[in-house]
Amino acid sequence: MNVIPTAIPDVLLFEPKVFGDARGFFYESFNQHAFNQATGLDVRFVQDNHSRSSKDVLRGLHYQIQQPQGKLVRVVRGAVFDVAVDIRQSSPTFGQSVGMELSEDNQHQLWIPAGFAHGFLVLTESADFLYKTTDYYAPEFERCIAWNDPTIGIEWSLQNEPRLSVKDQAGLPLSQAELFS
């Protein structure tokens, strides 16, 4: 497993070692020991989620203000542009974002620690998005920051108008959102 730091040091890109031939491929998609060594953390994942979305669906920027979730995300079908935004007010990278393509072809995974908002845009006709979380989903604590907040300035590379849920249409600007200290 190759681990690549991003522009925000706490967010890490994982490139698995893929073994393939004419029959297909194999790779270890998760190894607790290797993950802990790479991150320097002793993280315990408690929930796995799987979502399927169609082209131009934009989900996010989501987070839980209590029971914050670290997420290890990947795409097993299609491609997405995945984004993490640092919303820890005491962090030197507060308000900054990092984004990259995750796809079935590159098989990359992104580690997004607790204290970050997360979102993604589907780039292909559909995408299956899988993620492990470090805490359970708690809808009463879920919050949403506006995907297009100019103070964050995410370059989504939109080809069309994004397709948003009602929840995501109501996302707040970073300046009005509940944040981590």
N, C-alpha and C. Protein backbone atom coordinates (compact mmCIF):
# COMPACT_ATOMS: atom_id res chain seq x y z
N MET A 1 0.85 -1.17 0.00
CA MET A 1 0.00 0.00 0.00
C MET A 1 0.90 1.23 0.00
N ASN A 2 0.72 2.08 -0.98
CA ASN A 2 1.46 3.33 -1.06
C ASN A 2 0.60 4.43 -0.45
N VAL A 3 1.15 5.21 0.47
CA VAL A 3 0.40 6.28 1.12
C VAL A 3 0.99 7.62 0.67
N ILE A 4 0.11 8.49 0.16
CA ILE A 4 0.54 9.76 -0.40
C ILE A 4 -0.09 10.89 0.40
N PRO A 5 0.72 11.78 0.99
CA PRO A 5 0.15 12.93 1.68
C PRO A 5 -0.50 13.88 0.67
N THR A 6 -1.51 14.59 1.12
CA THR A 6 -2.18 15.58 0.27
C THR A 6 -1.79 16.97 0.76
N ALA A 7 -2.39 18.00 0.15
CA ALA A 7 -2.12 19.38 0.55
C ALA A 7 -2.52 19.64 2.00
N ILE A 8 -3.43 18.84 2.52
CA ILE A 8 -3.79 18.90 3.94
C ILE A 8 -3.20 17.64 4.57
N PRO A 9 -2.19 17.79 5.42
CA PRO A 9 -1.43 16.62 5.90
C PRO A 9 -2.25 15.52 6.56
N ASP A 10 -3.37 15.84 7.19
CA ASP A 10 -4.17 14.81 7.86
C ASP A 10 -5.00 13.98 6.89
N VAL A 11 -5.17 14.45 5.68
CA VAL A 11 -5.92 13.71 4.65
C VAL A 11 -4.91 12.94 3.82
N LEU A 12 -5.10 11.62 3.71
CA LEU A 12 -4.13 10.77 3.04
C LEU A 12 -4.76 10.00 1.89
N LEU A 13 -4.00 9.86 0.81
CA LEU A 13 -4.43 9.07 -0.34
C LEU A 13 -3.73 7.72 -0.26
N PHE A 14 -4.51 6.65 -0.35
CA PHE A 14 -3.97 5.29 -0.32
C PHE A 14 -4.06 4.70 -1.72
N GLU A 15 -2.91 4.20 -2.21
CA GLU A 15 -2.84 3.49 -3.49
C GLU A 15 -2.54 2.03 -3.18
N PRO A 16 -3.50 1.15 -3.39
CA PRO A 16 -3.24 -0.26 -3.08
C PRO A 16 -2.32 -0.90 -4.13
N LYS A 17 -1.68 -1.96 -3.72
CA LYS A 17 -0.91 -2.77 -4.66
C LYS A 17 -1.90 -3.73 -5.32
N VAL A 18 -2.06 -3.59 -6.62
CA VAL A 18 -3.03 -4.40 -7.36
C VAL A 18 -2.27 -5.47 -8.14
N PHE A 19 -2.71 -6.70 -7.99
CA PHE A 19 -2.12 -7.83 -8.69
C PHE A 19 -3.11 -8.29 -9.74
N GLY A 20 -2.72 -8.13 -11.02
CA GLY A 20 -3.66 -8.47 -12.08
C GLY A 20 -3.01 -9.27 -13.19
N ASP A 21 -3.86 -9.96 -13.89
CA ASP A 21 -3.46 -10.68 -15.09
C ASP A 21 -4.68 -10.79 -15.99
N ALA A 22 -4.61 -11.66 -16.99
CA ALA A 22 -5.71 -11.79 -17.97
C ALA A 22 -7.02 -12.23 -17.32
N ARG A 23 -6.96 -12.83 -16.14
CA ARG A 23 -8.17 -13.31 -15.45
C ARG A 23 -8.89 -12.20 -14.67
N GLY A 24 -8.18 -11.12 -14.33
CA GLY A 24 -8.76 -10.06 -13.50
C GLY A 24 -7.72 -9.51 -12.56
N PHE A 25 -8.13 -9.15 -11.35
CA PHE A 25 -7.19 -8.57 -10.40
C PHE A 25 -7.56 -8.96 -8.98
N PHE A 26 -6.61 -8.71 -8.07
CA PHE A 26 -6.81 -8.87 -6.63
C PHE A 26 -6.06 -7.74 -5.95
N TYR A 27 -6.67 -7.18 -4.92
CA TYR A 27 -5.93 -6.31 -4.02
C TYR A 27 -6.58 -6.32 -2.65
N GLU A 28 -5.75 -6.05 -1.66
CA GLU A 28 -6.24 -5.96 -0.29
C GLU A 28 -6.82 -4.57 -0.12
N SER A 29 -8.13 -4.46 0.05
CA SER A 29 -8.76 -3.15 0.12
C SER A 29 -8.66 -2.52 1.51
N PHE A 30 -8.42 -3.34 2.53
CA PHE A 30 -8.23 -2.78 3.86
C PHE A 30 -7.45 -3.76 4.72
N ASN A 31 -6.51 -3.21 5.49
CA ASN A 31 -5.73 -3.96 6.45
C ASN A 31 -5.55 -3.04 7.65
N GLN A 32 -6.13 -3.42 8.78
CA GLN A 32 -6.12 -2.57 9.97
C GLN A 32 -4.70 -2.21 10.39
N HIS A 33 -3.81 -3.17 10.42
CA HIS A 33 -2.43 -2.92 10.84
C HIS A 33 -1.74 -1.92 9.90
N ALA A 34 -1.86 -2.14 8.61
CA ALA A 34 -1.23 -1.24 7.63
C ALA A 34 -1.83 0.16 7.71
N PHE A 35 -3.14 0.25 7.90
CA PHE A 35 -3.79 1.55 8.02
C PHE A 35 -3.28 2.29 9.26
N ASN A 36 -3.22 1.60 10.40
CA ASN A 36 -2.75 2.24 11.63
C ASN A 36 -1.31 2.70 11.49
N GLN A 37 -0.47 1.89 10.85
CA GLN A 37 0.92 2.28 10.64
C GLN A 37 1.01 3.52 9.75
N ALA A 38 0.24 3.56 8.68
CA ALA A 38 0.30 4.67 7.73
C ALA A 38 -0.19 5.98 8.33
N THR A 39 -1.23 5.90 9.16
CA THR A 39 -1.83 7.12 9.71
C THR A 39 -1.24 7.50 11.06
N GLY A 40 -0.61 6.55 11.74
CA GLY A 40 -0.14 6.81 13.10
C GLY A 40 -1.28 6.85 14.10
N LEU A 41 -2.44 6.36 13.68
CA LEU A 41 -3.63 6.37 14.53
C LEU A 41 -4.02 4.95 14.90
N ASP A 42 -4.79 4.83 15.95
CA ASP A 42 -5.39 3.55 16.31
C ASP A 42 -6.89 3.69 16.09
N VAL A 43 -7.28 3.60 14.85
CA VAL A 43 -8.66 3.85 14.44
C VAL A 43 -9.44 2.55 14.43
N ARG A 44 -10.69 2.64 14.86
CA ARG A 44 -11.58 1.48 14.81
C ARG A 44 -12.77 1.87 13.94
N PHE A 45 -12.98 1.13 12.87
CA PHE A 45 -14.13 1.38 12.00
C PHE A 45 -15.33 0.59 12.52
N VAL A 46 -16.50 1.24 12.54
CA VAL A 46 -17.69 0.61 13.12
C VAL A 46 -18.83 0.44 12.11
N GLN A 47 -18.72 1.04 10.95
CA GLN A 47 -19.82 0.99 10.00
C GLN A 47 -19.27 1.08 8.58
N ASP A 48 -19.82 0.27 7.67
CA ASP A 48 -19.51 0.34 6.24
C ASP A 48 -20.76 0.80 5.52
N ASN A 49 -20.61 1.74 4.58
CA ASN A 49 -21.73 2.27 3.82
C ASN A 49 -21.46 2.13 2.33
N HIS A 50 -22.54 2.02 1.57
CA HIS A 50 -22.45 1.88 0.11
C HIS A 50 -23.55 2.75 -0.48
N SER A 51 -23.15 3.69 -1.34
CA SER A 51 -24.16 4.50 -2.03
C SER A 51 -23.95 4.38 -3.53
N ARG A 52 -25.04 4.46 -4.27
CA ARG A 52 -24.98 4.50 -5.72
C ARG A 52 -25.64 5.80 -6.14
N SER A 53 -24.97 6.53 -7.02
CA SER A 53 -25.48 7.82 -7.49
C SER A 53 -25.28 7.91 -8.99
N SER A 54 -26.12 8.70 -9.63
CA SER A 54 -26.01 8.88 -11.07
C SER A 54 -25.20 10.14 -11.40
N LYS A 55 -24.88 10.28 -12.68
CA LYS A 55 -24.04 11.37 -13.16
C LYS A 55 -24.56 12.72 -12.68
N ASP A 56 -23.64 13.59 -12.32
CA ASP A 56 -23.89 14.96 -11.88
C ASP A 56 -24.52 15.07 -10.50
N VAL A 57 -24.71 13.95 -9.80
CA VAL A 57 -25.16 14.03 -8.41
C VAL A 57 -24.00 14.55 -7.58
N LEU A 58 -24.27 15.57 -6.77
CA LEU A 58 -23.28 16.11 -5.85
C LEU A 58 -23.83 15.90 -4.45
N ARG A 59 -23.09 15.18 -3.64
CA ARG A 59 -23.49 14.93 -2.26
C ARG A 59 -22.51 15.67 -1.35
N GLY A 60 -23.06 16.44 -0.41
CA GLY A 60 -22.19 17.10 0.55
C GLY A 60 -22.35 18.60 0.55
N LEU A 61 -21.63 19.18 1.38
CA LEU A 61 -20.50 18.76 2.21
C LEU A 61 -21.02 18.35 3.59
N HIS A 62 -20.94 17.09 3.93
CA HIS A 62 -21.56 16.55 5.14
C HIS A 62 -20.54 16.32 6.26
N TYR A 63 -21.05 16.39 7.48
CA TYR A 63 -20.27 16.03 8.67
C TYR A 63 -21.23 15.88 9.83
N GLN A 64 -20.76 15.31 10.93
CA GLN A 64 -21.54 15.20 12.16
C GLN A 64 -20.84 16.03 13.23
N ILE A 65 -21.56 16.98 13.81
CA ILE A 65 -20.97 17.88 14.80
C ILE A 65 -20.71 17.15 16.13
N GLN A 66 -21.51 16.14 16.44
CA GLN A 66 -21.23 15.22 17.55
C GLN A 66 -21.13 13.84 16.93
N GLN A 67 -20.44 12.94 17.61
CA GLN A 67 -20.13 11.63 17.03
C GLN A 67 -19.47 11.82 15.66
N PRO A 68 -18.43 12.68 15.59
CA PRO A 68 -17.79 12.94 14.29
C PRO A 68 -17.21 11.65 13.72
N GLN A 69 -17.27 11.56 12.42
CA GLN A 69 -16.84 10.35 11.72
C GLN A 69 -15.56 10.60 10.91
N GLY A 70 -14.57 9.76 11.13
CA GLY A 70 -13.49 9.64 10.17
C GLY A 70 -14.00 8.71 9.08
N LYS A 71 -13.57 8.92 7.84
CA LYS A 71 -14.07 8.10 6.73
C LYS A 71 -12.90 7.64 5.86
N LEU A 72 -12.95 6.38 5.48
CA LEU A 72 -12.05 5.83 4.48
C LEU A 72 -12.93 5.52 3.27
N VAL A 73 -12.76 6.29 2.19
CA VAL A 73 -13.69 6.24 1.06
C VAL A 73 -13.03 5.68 -0.20
N ARG A 74 -13.85 5.04 -1.04
CA ARG A 74 -13.36 4.50 -2.30
C ARG A 74 -14.53 4.31 -3.26
N VAL A 75 -14.22 4.15 -4.53
CA VAL A 75 -15.21 3.94 -5.57
C VAL A 75 -14.94 2.58 -6.21
N VAL A 76 -15.98 1.74 -6.30
CA VAL A 76 -15.80 0.41 -6.91
C VAL A 76 -16.44 0.32 -8.29
N ARG A 77 -17.24 1.30 -8.64
CA ARG A 77 -17.80 1.37 -9.99
C ARG A 77 -17.95 2.83 -10.37
N GLY A 78 -17.41 3.22 -11.52
CA GLY A 78 -17.52 4.60 -11.97
C GLY A 78 -16.40 5.46 -11.43
N ALA A 79 -16.69 6.78 -11.35
CA ALA A 79 -15.68 7.73 -10.89
C ALA A 79 -16.37 8.92 -10.23
N VAL A 80 -15.72 9.47 -9.22
CA VAL A 80 -16.21 10.67 -8.54
C VAL A 80 -15.04 11.63 -8.33
N PHE A 81 -15.39 12.90 -8.16
CA PHE A 81 -14.44 13.88 -7.66
C PHE A 81 -14.77 14.03 -6.18
N ASP A 82 -13.84 13.63 -5.32
CA ASP A 82 -14.07 13.55 -3.89
C ASP A 82 -13.37 14.71 -3.18
N VAL A 83 -14.05 15.31 -2.19
CA VAL A 83 -13.54 16.52 -1.53
C VAL A 83 -13.63 16.39 -0.02
N ALA A 84 -12.57 16.84 0.66
CA ALA A 84 -12.54 16.98 2.12
C ALA A 84 -12.24 18.44 2.45
N VAL A 85 -12.98 19.00 3.41
CA VAL A 85 -12.79 20.38 3.84
C VAL A 85 -12.49 20.39 5.33
N ASP A 86 -11.39 21.00 5.71
CA ASP A 86 -11.00 21.09 7.11
C ASP A 86 -11.89 22.13 7.82
N ILE A 87 -12.68 21.66 8.78
CA ILE A 87 -13.57 22.58 9.52
C ILE A 87 -13.22 22.60 11.01
N ARG A 88 -11.94 22.36 11.30
CA ARG A 88 -11.41 22.47 12.67
C ARG A 88 -10.84 23.87 12.81
N GLN A 89 -11.51 24.72 13.57
CA GLN A 89 -11.13 26.13 13.68
C GLN A 89 -9.70 26.32 14.18
N SER A 90 -9.17 25.40 14.97
CA SER A 90 -7.81 25.54 15.50
C SER A 90 -6.75 25.01 14.54
N SER A 91 -7.16 24.48 13.42
CA SER A 91 -6.21 23.88 12.48
C SER A 91 -5.57 24.93 11.58
N PRO A 92 -4.28 24.78 11.25
CA PRO A 92 -3.64 25.71 10.32
C PRO A 92 -4.21 25.61 8.89
N THR A 93 -4.94 24.52 8.61
CA THR A 93 -5.55 24.38 7.28
C THR A 93 -7.08 24.58 7.32
N PHE A 94 -7.57 25.25 8.38
CA PHE A 94 -9.01 25.51 8.51
C PHE A 94 -9.55 26.19 7.25
N GLY A 95 -10.68 25.68 6.75
CA GLY A 95 -11.34 26.26 5.59
C GLY A 95 -10.75 25.84 4.26
N GLN A 96 -9.65 25.10 4.29
CA GLN A 96 -9.04 24.64 3.04
C GLN A 96 -9.63 23.30 2.65
N SER A 97 -9.56 23.02 1.35
CA SER A 97 -10.08 21.76 0.84
C SER A 97 -9.03 21.04 0.02
N VAL A 98 -9.24 19.75 -0.11
CA VAL A 98 -8.44 18.92 -1.01
C VAL A 98 -9.43 18.05 -1.77
N GLY A 99 -9.20 17.92 -3.07
CA GLY A 99 -10.09 17.11 -3.90
C GLY A 99 -9.32 16.29 -4.90
N MET A 100 -9.84 15.12 -5.20
CA MET A 100 -9.19 14.25 -6.19
C MET A 100 -10.18 13.25 -6.74
N GLU A 101 -9.82 12.70 -7.89
CA GLU A 101 -10.67 11.70 -8.50
C GLU A 101 -10.41 10.34 -7.87
N LEU A 102 -11.50 9.68 -7.51
CA LEU A 102 -11.46 8.29 -7.06
C LEU A 102 -12.26 7.50 -8.08
N SER A 103 -11.74 6.36 -8.52
CA SER A 103 -12.44 5.62 -9.55
C SER A 103 -12.19 4.12 -9.43
N GLU A 104 -13.01 3.38 -10.16
CA GLU A 104 -12.79 1.94 -10.24
C GLU A 104 -11.48 1.63 -10.94
N ASP A 105 -11.02 2.54 -11.79
CA ASP A 105 -9.77 2.32 -12.52
C ASP A 105 -8.53 2.57 -11.65
N ASN A 106 -8.51 3.68 -10.90
CA ASN A 106 -7.32 3.96 -10.10
C ASN A 106 -7.34 3.25 -8.74
N GLN A 107 -8.51 2.83 -8.27
CA GLN A 107 -8.69 2.07 -7.03
C GLN A 107 -8.10 2.77 -5.81
N HIS A 108 -7.97 4.08 -5.88
CA HIS A 108 -7.46 4.84 -4.75
C HIS A 108 -8.50 4.94 -3.64
N GLN A 109 -8.00 5.15 -2.44
CA GLN A 109 -8.85 5.39 -1.28
C GLN A 109 -8.38 6.68 -0.61
N LEU A 110 -9.31 7.39 0.00
CA LEU A 110 -8.97 8.64 0.68
C LEU A 110 -9.37 8.53 2.14
N TRP A 111 -8.43 8.84 3.03
CA TRP A 111 -8.69 8.90 4.46
C TRP A 111 -9.04 10.34 4.81
N ILE A 112 -10.25 10.52 5.36
CA ILE A 112 -10.75 11.83 5.77
C ILE A 112 -11.01 11.76 7.27
N PRO A 113 -10.17 12.39 8.09
CA PRO A 113 -10.34 12.28 9.54
C PRO A 113 -11.59 13.01 10.04
N ALA A 114 -11.99 12.69 11.25
CA ALA A 114 -13.05 13.44 11.92
C ALA A 114 -12.62 14.91 11.97
N GLY A 115 -13.59 15.81 11.87
CA GLY A 115 -13.28 17.23 11.86
C GLY A 115 -13.26 17.82 10.46
N PHE A 116 -13.61 17.00 9.49
CA PHE A 116 -13.68 17.44 8.09
C PHE A 116 -15.10 17.27 7.57
N ALA A 117 -15.49 18.18 6.68
CA ALA A 117 -16.71 17.99 5.90
C ALA A 117 -16.32 17.24 4.64
N HIS A 118 -17.25 16.47 4.10
CA HIS A 118 -16.95 15.61 2.97
C HIS A 118 -18.05 15.67 1.92
N GLY A 119 -17.64 15.61 0.66
CA GLY A 119 -18.61 15.56 -0.42
C GLY A 119 -18.00 14.97 -1.67
N PHE A 120 -18.86 14.64 -2.63
CA PHE A 120 -18.36 14.14 -3.91
C PHE A 120 -19.33 14.44 -5.03
N LEU A 121 -18.77 14.51 -6.24
CA LEU A 121 -19.52 14.73 -7.48
C LEU A 121 -19.30 13.51 -8.37
N VAL A 122 -20.40 12.94 -8.88
CA VAL A 122 -20.30 11.77 -9.75
C VAL A 122 -19.94 12.22 -11.17
N LEU A 123 -18.87 11.65 -11.70
CA LEU A 123 -18.33 12.04 -13.01
C LEU A 123 -18.78 11.11 -14.14
N THR A 124 -19.20 9.90 -13.80
CA THR A 124 -19.58 8.90 -14.80
C THR A 124 -21.09 8.69 -14.76
N GLU A 125 -21.61 7.85 -15.65
CA GLU A 125 -23.06 7.62 -15.72
C GLU A 125 -23.63 7.22 -14.37
N SER A 126 -22.88 6.47 -13.59
CA SER A 126 -23.24 6.18 -12.21
C SER A 126 -21.95 5.81 -11.48
N ALA A 127 -22.03 5.80 -10.16
CA ALA A 127 -20.86 5.43 -9.35
C ALA A 127 -21.34 4.74 -8.08
N ASP A 128 -20.62 3.69 -7.71
CA ASP A 128 -20.83 3.03 -6.43
C ASP A 128 -19.70 3.47 -5.51
N PHE A 129 -20.09 4.08 -4.42
CA PHE A 129 -19.18 4.73 -3.48
C PHE A 129 -19.25 3.96 -2.16
N LEU A 130 -18.13 3.46 -1.68
CA LEU A 130 -18.08 2.71 -0.42
C LEU A 130 -17.23 3.47 0.58
N TYR A 131 -17.68 3.44 1.84
CA TYR A 131 -16.86 4.08 2.86
C TYR A 131 -17.06 3.44 4.22
N LYS A 132 -15.95 3.40 4.95
CA LYS A 132 -15.91 2.92 6.32
C LYS A 132 -15.95 4.16 7.22
N THR A 133 -16.64 4.07 8.36
CA THR A 133 -16.70 5.20 9.29
C THR A 133 -16.24 4.79 10.69
N THR A 134 -15.71 5.77 11.40
CA THR A 134 -15.20 5.53 12.74
C THR A 134 -16.25 5.74 13.83
N ASP A 135 -17.42 6.23 13.45
CA ASP A 135 -18.54 6.33 14.39
C ASP A 135 -19.82 6.08 13.62
N TYR A 136 -20.89 5.84 14.35
CA TYR A 136 -22.16 5.50 13.73
C TYR A 136 -22.86 6.74 13.19
N TYR A 137 -23.67 6.53 12.17
CA TYR A 137 -24.48 7.62 11.61
C TYR A 137 -25.46 8.09 12.68
N ALA A 138 -25.51 9.40 12.88
CA ALA A 138 -26.41 10.02 13.86
C ALA A 138 -27.07 11.22 13.19
N PRO A 139 -28.24 11.01 12.55
CA PRO A 139 -28.86 12.08 11.77
C PRO A 139 -29.13 13.36 12.56
N GLU A 140 -29.33 13.24 13.86
CA GLU A 140 -29.60 14.44 14.66
C GLU A 140 -28.37 15.34 14.76
N PHE A 141 -27.19 14.81 14.50
CA PHE A 141 -25.96 15.59 14.57
C PHE A 141 -25.39 15.93 13.19
N GLU A 142 -26.06 15.47 12.14
CA GLU A 142 -25.56 15.73 10.79
C GLU A 142 -25.75 17.19 10.41
N ARG A 143 -24.74 17.74 9.77
CA ARG A 143 -24.77 19.12 9.30
C ARG A 143 -24.29 19.13 7.86
N CYS A 144 -24.56 20.26 7.18
CA CYS A 144 -24.18 20.37 5.77
C CYS A 144 -23.69 21.78 5.48
N ILE A 145 -22.53 21.88 4.89
CA ILE A 145 -21.98 23.15 4.43
C ILE A 145 -22.25 23.25 2.93
N ALA A 146 -22.56 24.44 2.47
CA ALA A 146 -22.87 24.66 1.05
C ALA A 146 -21.71 24.22 0.18
N TRP A 147 -22.01 23.39 -0.79
CA TRP A 147 -21.00 22.84 -1.70
C TRP A 147 -20.30 23.92 -2.51
N ASN A 148 -20.99 25.04 -2.71
CA ASN A 148 -20.46 26.12 -3.55
C ASN A 148 -20.07 27.37 -2.77
N ASP A 149 -19.78 27.22 -1.48
CA ASP A 149 -19.38 28.36 -0.65
C ASP A 149 -18.11 28.98 -1.25
N PRO A 150 -18.16 30.26 -1.66
CA PRO A 150 -16.99 30.88 -2.29
C PRO A 150 -15.79 31.03 -1.35
N THR A 151 -16.01 31.03 -0.04
CA THR A 151 -14.87 31.15 0.88
C THR A 151 -14.04 29.87 0.88
N ILE A 152 -14.65 28.75 0.54
CA ILE A 152 -13.90 27.50 0.43
C ILE A 152 -13.32 27.39 -0.98
N GLY A 153 -14.11 27.73 -1.98
CA GLY A 153 -13.63 27.81 -3.36
C GLY A 153 -13.27 26.48 -4.01
N ILE A 154 -14.09 25.47 -3.80
CA ILE A 154 -13.83 24.16 -4.42
C ILE A 154 -14.05 24.27 -5.93
N GLU A 155 -13.10 23.78 -6.69
CA GLU A 155 -13.23 23.74 -8.15
C GLU A 155 -13.77 22.37 -8.54
N TRP A 156 -15.09 22.28 -8.65
CA TRP A 156 -15.76 21.01 -8.90
C TRP A 156 -15.63 20.53 -10.35
N SER A 157 -15.25 21.39 -11.29
CA SER A 157 -15.17 21.02 -12.70
C SER A 157 -16.52 20.50 -13.21
N LEU A 158 -17.55 21.24 -12.90
CA LEU A 158 -18.91 20.85 -13.31
C LEU A 158 -19.08 20.99 -14.82
N GLN A 159 -19.68 19.98 -15.43
CA GLN A 159 -20.05 20.05 -16.83
C GLN A 159 -21.51 20.48 -16.98
N ASN A 160 -22.31 20.18 -15.96
CA ASN A 160 -23.75 20.49 -15.94
C ASN A 160 -24.11 20.99 -14.55
N GLU A 161 -25.35 21.43 -14.38
CA GLU A 161 -25.83 21.80 -13.04
C GLU A 161 -25.79 20.56 -12.17
N PRO A 162 -25.30 20.66 -10.94
CA PRO A 162 -25.28 19.48 -10.07
C PRO A 162 -26.70 19.10 -9.63
N ARG A 163 -26.89 17.83 -9.43
CA ARG A 163 -28.15 17.32 -8.91
C ARG A 163 -27.99 17.17 -7.41
N LEU A 164 -28.78 17.94 -6.64
CA LEU A 164 -28.63 18.03 -5.20
C LEU A 164 -29.88 17.53 -4.48
N SER A 165 -29.69 16.95 -3.30
CA SER A 165 -30.82 16.62 -2.43
C SER A 165 -31.35 17.91 -1.80
N VAL A 166 -32.53 17.83 -1.22
CA VAL A 166 -33.10 18.98 -0.51
C VAL A 166 -32.16 19.40 0.62
N LYS A 167 -31.61 18.42 1.33
CA LYS A 167 -30.67 18.69 2.43
C LYS A 167 -29.46 19.46 1.93
N ASP A 168 -28.91 19.03 0.79
CA ASP A 168 -27.71 19.67 0.27
C ASP A 168 -28.01 21.05 -0.33
N GLN A 169 -29.21 21.26 -0.81
CA GLN A 169 -29.61 22.59 -1.29
C GLN A 169 -29.67 23.59 -0.15
N ALA A 170 -29.89 23.10 1.08
CA ALA A 170 -30.00 23.96 2.25
C ALA A 170 -28.69 24.10 3.02
N GLY A 171 -27.58 23.65 2.45
CA GLY A 171 -26.30 23.75 3.13
C GLY A 171 -25.96 25.19 3.48
N LEU A 172 -25.33 25.36 4.62
CA LEU A 172 -24.98 26.70 5.12
C LEU A 172 -23.59 27.11 4.67
N PRO A 173 -23.36 28.41 4.56
CA PRO A 173 -21.98 28.87 4.31
C PRO A 173 -21.10 28.50 5.51
N LEU A 174 -19.83 28.34 5.25
CA LEU A 174 -18.88 27.99 6.31
C LEU A 174 -18.99 28.98 7.49
N SER A 175 -19.17 30.26 7.17
CA SER A 175 -19.23 31.30 8.22
C SER A 175 -20.44 31.14 9.15
N GLN A 176 -21.46 30.40 8.73
CA GLN A 176 -22.66 30.22 9.56
C GLN A 176 -22.80 28.80 10.11
N ALA A 177 -21.91 27.93 9.74
CA ALA A 177 -22.00 26.51 10.13
C ALA A 177 -21.46 26.28 11.53
N GLU A 178 -22.00 25.23 12.17
CA GLU A 178 -21.41 24.77 13.42
C GLU A 178 -20.11 24.07 13.07
N LEU A 179 -19.05 24.42 13.78
CA LEU A 179 -17.72 23.92 13.42
C LEU A 179 -17.07 23.26 14.63
N PHE A 180 -15.96 22.61 14.39
CA PHE A 180 -15.17 22.01 15.45
C PHE A 180 -14.17 23.06 15.95
N SER A 181 -13.88 23.03 17.25
CA SER A 181 -12.93 24.01 17.79
C SER A 181 -11.50 23.64 17.48
